[in-house]
Amino acid sequence: MATVEPIRSREDIKKVEKILSNQSKRNLLLFTIGTNCGLRISDILALNVKDVKEKNYIQIIEKKTGKFKKFPINAKLKPMLQEYTKNKSLEEPLFSTIFHNRLDRSAAYRIINSACAKAGLEERIGTHTLRKTFGYHHYQQFKDVVILQKIFNHFSPQITLRYIGIEQDQIDESYKNFIL
C-alpha cells in the first residue's frame, strides 16, 4: 500500500475546499472535519448526527485503538455542523449517500481524490491525507510534537514526525542546502 502525503500548502487546501463547496455541503464537511480534527476516516464515517448536533465537543471511541477520544469542535466547524445538521434526525449517519446509506470508505476516497486532482495536487492522496494534513499543519502552527503524538496516540515523537512528513521535509531541506 502506497503511503499518502499531507497537503502542505494552505493555498492548496483552500483550492480543494472551493471545489468541494461547489459539489455539496456533505463533501466539504467531510474534508473539513478530516483536516480540522485529525480523525481516521473510519471514525469520521462512523459519526452520527447526534454526535455533533448542538455539541461543543466530539466524543468517540476510536475504531482502530478502542480508546476514548474527546476534543472541542473548532470555530470553523461549528457553523458548518449547525447548518448541515439543522434538518437531520439525530439517529441518521452524519455522512450518507443519496440512498440514505452510510457513506463508505471507497466513496470518501473518490470524493477526496477527485477534488485534489481537480485542484492540481500532485501528492499521493487518499483518505488518510486528511489526518496527515491536520497533523502537518498542527505541527507547523504549534511546533509541539508531544501534543500531536498524544492526539494521534503514537508511541513516539519520531513516529509522529515521520507520519506527518516533517522528517522527509527536514531531509529534503538538508539536501537542498548542502553543496560541496
Protein backbone atom coordinates (compact mmCIF):
# COMPACT_ATOMS: atom_id res chain seq x y z
CA MET A 1 0.00 0.00 0.00
CA ALA A 2 1.42 3.38 -1.01
CA THR A 3 1.93 5.99 1.65
CA VAL A 4 -0.14 9.13 1.19
CA GLU A 5 1.08 12.63 1.85
CA PRO A 6 -0.36 15.60 3.72
CA ILE A 7 -1.50 18.65 1.80
CA ARG A 8 1.31 21.00 2.81
CA SER A 9 0.07 24.23 1.24
CA ARG A 10 -2.77 26.20 2.83
CA GLU A 11 -3.48 27.60 -0.64
CA ASP A 12 -3.99 24.05 -1.93
CA ILE A 13 -6.33 23.31 0.98
CA LYS A 14 -8.39 26.38 0.01
CA LYS A 15 -8.50 25.19 -3.63
CA VAL A 16 -9.82 21.78 -2.56
CA GLU A 17 -12.37 23.40 -0.23
CA LYS A 18 -13.64 25.58 -3.09
CA ILE A 19 -14.03 22.57 -5.38
CA LEU A 20 -15.84 20.59 -2.67
CA SER A 21 -18.10 23.51 -1.74
CA ASN A 22 -19.27 23.60 -5.38
CA GLN A 23 -20.11 19.88 -5.14
CA SER A 24 -22.02 19.65 -1.85
CA LYS A 25 -22.08 20.65 1.80
CA ARG A 26 -21.53 16.99 2.67
CA ASN A 27 -18.31 16.70 0.69
CA LEU A 28 -16.93 19.96 2.07
CA LEU A 29 -17.80 18.95 5.63
CA LEU A 30 -16.16 15.54 5.18
CA PHE A 31 -12.92 17.20 4.11
CA THR A 32 -13.11 19.92 6.76
CA ILE A 33 -13.70 17.50 9.63
CA GLY A 34 -10.75 15.44 8.42
CA THR A 35 -8.38 18.38 8.16
CA ASN A 36 -9.54 20.08 11.37
CA CYS A 37 -9.91 17.10 13.73
CA GLY A 38 -7.29 14.60 12.64
CA LEU A 39 -9.64 11.63 12.90
CA ARG A 40 -9.16 8.49 10.85
CA ILE A 41 -11.67 8.18 8.01
CA SER A 42 -13.26 5.16 9.73
CA ASP A 43 -14.06 7.34 12.75
CA ILE A 44 -15.36 10.22 10.61
CA LEU A 45 -17.66 7.95 8.62
CA ALA A 46 -18.96 6.33 11.83
CA LEU A 47 -20.22 9.67 13.17
CA ASN A 48 -23.97 10.14 13.54
CA VAL A 49 -25.80 13.45 13.60
CA LYS A 50 -26.32 13.09 17.38
CA ASP A 51 -22.51 13.02 17.86
CA VAL A 52 -22.16 16.61 16.59
CA LYS A 53 -25.54 18.37 16.56
CA GLU A 54 -25.62 21.20 19.12
CA LYS A 55 -22.41 19.91 20.70
CA ASN A 56 -19.24 21.70 21.74
CA TYR A 57 -17.15 18.52 21.77
CA ILE A 58 -16.93 15.39 19.68
CA GLN A 59 -16.57 12.24 21.77
CA ILE A 60 -15.82 8.89 20.18
CA ILE A 61 -14.29 5.50 20.82
CA GLU A 62 -11.65 5.15 18.12
CA LYS A 63 -12.32 2.15 15.90
CA LYS A 64 -8.66 1.23 15.44
CA THR A 65 -7.43 1.63 19.02
CA GLY A 66 -10.62 1.27 21.07
CA LYS A 67 -9.52 4.38 23.01
CA PHE A 68 -11.83 7.18 24.11
CA LYS A 69 -11.20 10.49 22.38
CA LYS A 70 -12.77 13.86 23.17
CA PHE A 71 -11.95 17.17 21.54
CA PRO A 72 -13.63 20.56 21.05
CA ILE A 73 -15.35 21.48 17.81
CA ASN A 74 -13.41 24.46 16.46
CA ALA A 75 -14.79 27.78 15.23
CA LYS A 76 -14.58 26.76 11.57
CA LEU A 77 -16.53 23.53 12.02
CA LYS A 78 -19.18 24.75 14.48
CA PRO A 79 -21.27 26.80 11.98
CA MET A 80 -20.77 24.22 9.24
CA LEU A 81 -22.12 21.48 11.51
CA GLN A 82 -25.04 23.64 12.66
CA GLU A 83 -26.07 24.36 9.08
CA TYR A 84 -25.52 20.79 7.85
CA THR A 85 -27.42 19.09 10.69
CA LYS A 86 -30.31 21.53 11.17
CA ASN A 87 -32.88 19.40 9.30
CA LYS A 88 -31.41 15.98 10.07
CA SER A 89 -32.63 13.46 12.61
CA LEU A 90 -30.28 12.62 15.48
CA GLU A 91 -30.08 8.93 14.61
CA GLU A 92 -29.00 9.21 10.99
CA PRO A 93 -25.40 8.94 9.82
CA LEU A 94 -23.64 12.29 9.54
CA PHE A 95 -22.42 11.32 6.07
CA SER A 96 -24.84 9.39 3.89
CA THR A 97 -25.41 8.64 0.23
CA ILE A 98 -28.40 9.73 -1.86
CA PHE A 99 -29.88 6.32 -0.96
CA HIS A 100 -29.60 7.21 2.77
CA ASN A 101 -26.87 4.62 3.37
CA ARG A 102 -23.79 5.49 5.40
CA LEU A 103 -21.04 6.81 3.13
CA ASP A 104 -18.28 4.21 2.87
CA ARG A 105 -14.52 4.46 2.72
CA SER A 106 -14.24 3.98 -1.05
CA ALA A 107 -16.79 6.72 -1.76
CA ALA A 108 -14.93 9.05 0.62
CA TYR A 109 -11.69 8.21 -1.20
CA ARG A 110 -13.21 9.06 -4.58
CA ILE A 111 -14.57 12.38 -3.26
CA ILE A 112 -11.23 13.45 -1.75
CA ASN A 113 -9.03 12.11 -4.53
CA SER A 114 -11.13 13.66 -7.29
CA ALA A 115 -11.22 17.10 -5.63
CA CYS A 116 -7.47 17.05 -5.04
CA ALA A 117 -6.83 16.04 -8.65
CA LYS A 118 -9.06 18.90 -9.87
CA ALA A 119 -7.06 21.26 -7.62
CA GLY A 120 -3.87 20.10 -9.36
CA LEU A 121 -2.28 18.39 -6.36
CA GLU A 122 0.50 16.03 -7.37
CA GLU A 123 0.99 14.35 -3.99
CA ARG A 124 -0.22 10.81 -3.35
CA ILE A 125 -3.70 11.49 -1.99
CA GLY A 126 -6.04 9.24 -0.05
CA THR A 127 -8.47 9.47 2.82
CA HIS A 128 -5.56 9.33 5.25
CA THR A 129 -4.28 12.55 3.65
CA LEU A 130 -6.89 14.41 5.74
CA ARG A 131 -5.44 13.13 9.05
CA LYS A 132 -1.89 13.77 7.91
CA THR A 133 -2.81 17.28 6.73
CA PHE A 134 -4.23 18.03 10.18
CA GLY A 135 -1.02 16.76 11.79
CA TYR A 136 1.29 18.60 9.43
CA HIS A 137 -0.38 21.98 9.93
CA HIS A 138 -0.90 21.45 13.67
CA TYR A 139 2.84 20.85 13.97
CA GLN A 140 3.68 23.85 11.78
CA GLN A 141 1.49 26.10 13.94
CA PHE A 142 2.41 24.87 17.42
CA LYS A 143 5.77 23.05 16.94
CA ASP A 144 4.68 20.65 19.70
CA VAL A 145 5.27 17.10 18.57
CA VAL A 146 4.39 15.69 22.01
CA ILE A 147 0.84 17.08 21.93
CA LEU A 148 0.43 15.80 18.38
CA GLN A 149 1.79 12.40 19.43
CA LYS A 150 -0.91 12.28 22.13
CA ILE A 151 -3.64 13.39 19.70
CA PHE A 152 -2.64 10.62 17.30
CA ASN A 153 -1.94 8.02 20.03
CA HIS A 154 1.51 7.36 18.59
CA PHE A 155 4.21 5.54 20.51
CA SER A 156 6.95 8.13 19.99
CA PRO A 157 7.54 11.67 18.68
CA GLN A 158 9.76 10.24 15.92
CA ILE A 159 6.86 8.16 14.60
CA THR A 160 4.65 11.26 14.58
CA LEU A 161 7.22 13.37 12.69
CA ARG A 162 7.70 10.64 10.08
CA TYR A 163 3.93 10.11 9.83
CA ILE A 164 3.14 13.76 9.04
CA GLY A 165 6.05 14.15 6.61
CA ILE A 166 8.15 16.53 8.71
CA GLU A 167 11.07 14.11 8.80
CA GLN A 168 11.11 13.98 4.98
CA ASP A 169 10.79 17.79 4.77
CA GLN A 170 13.84 18.13 7.02
CA ILE A 171 15.83 15.62 4.94
CA ASP A 172 14.84 17.39 1.71
CA GLU A 173 15.83 20.77 3.15
CA SER A 174 19.21 19.47 4.29
CA TYR A 175 19.92 18.14 0.79
CA LYS A 176 18.87 21.42 -0.84
CA ASN A 177 21.15 23.38 1.45
CA PHE A 178 24.17 21.07 1.21
CA ILE A 179 26.63 21.88 -1.53
CA LEU A 180 30.19 20.58 -1.60
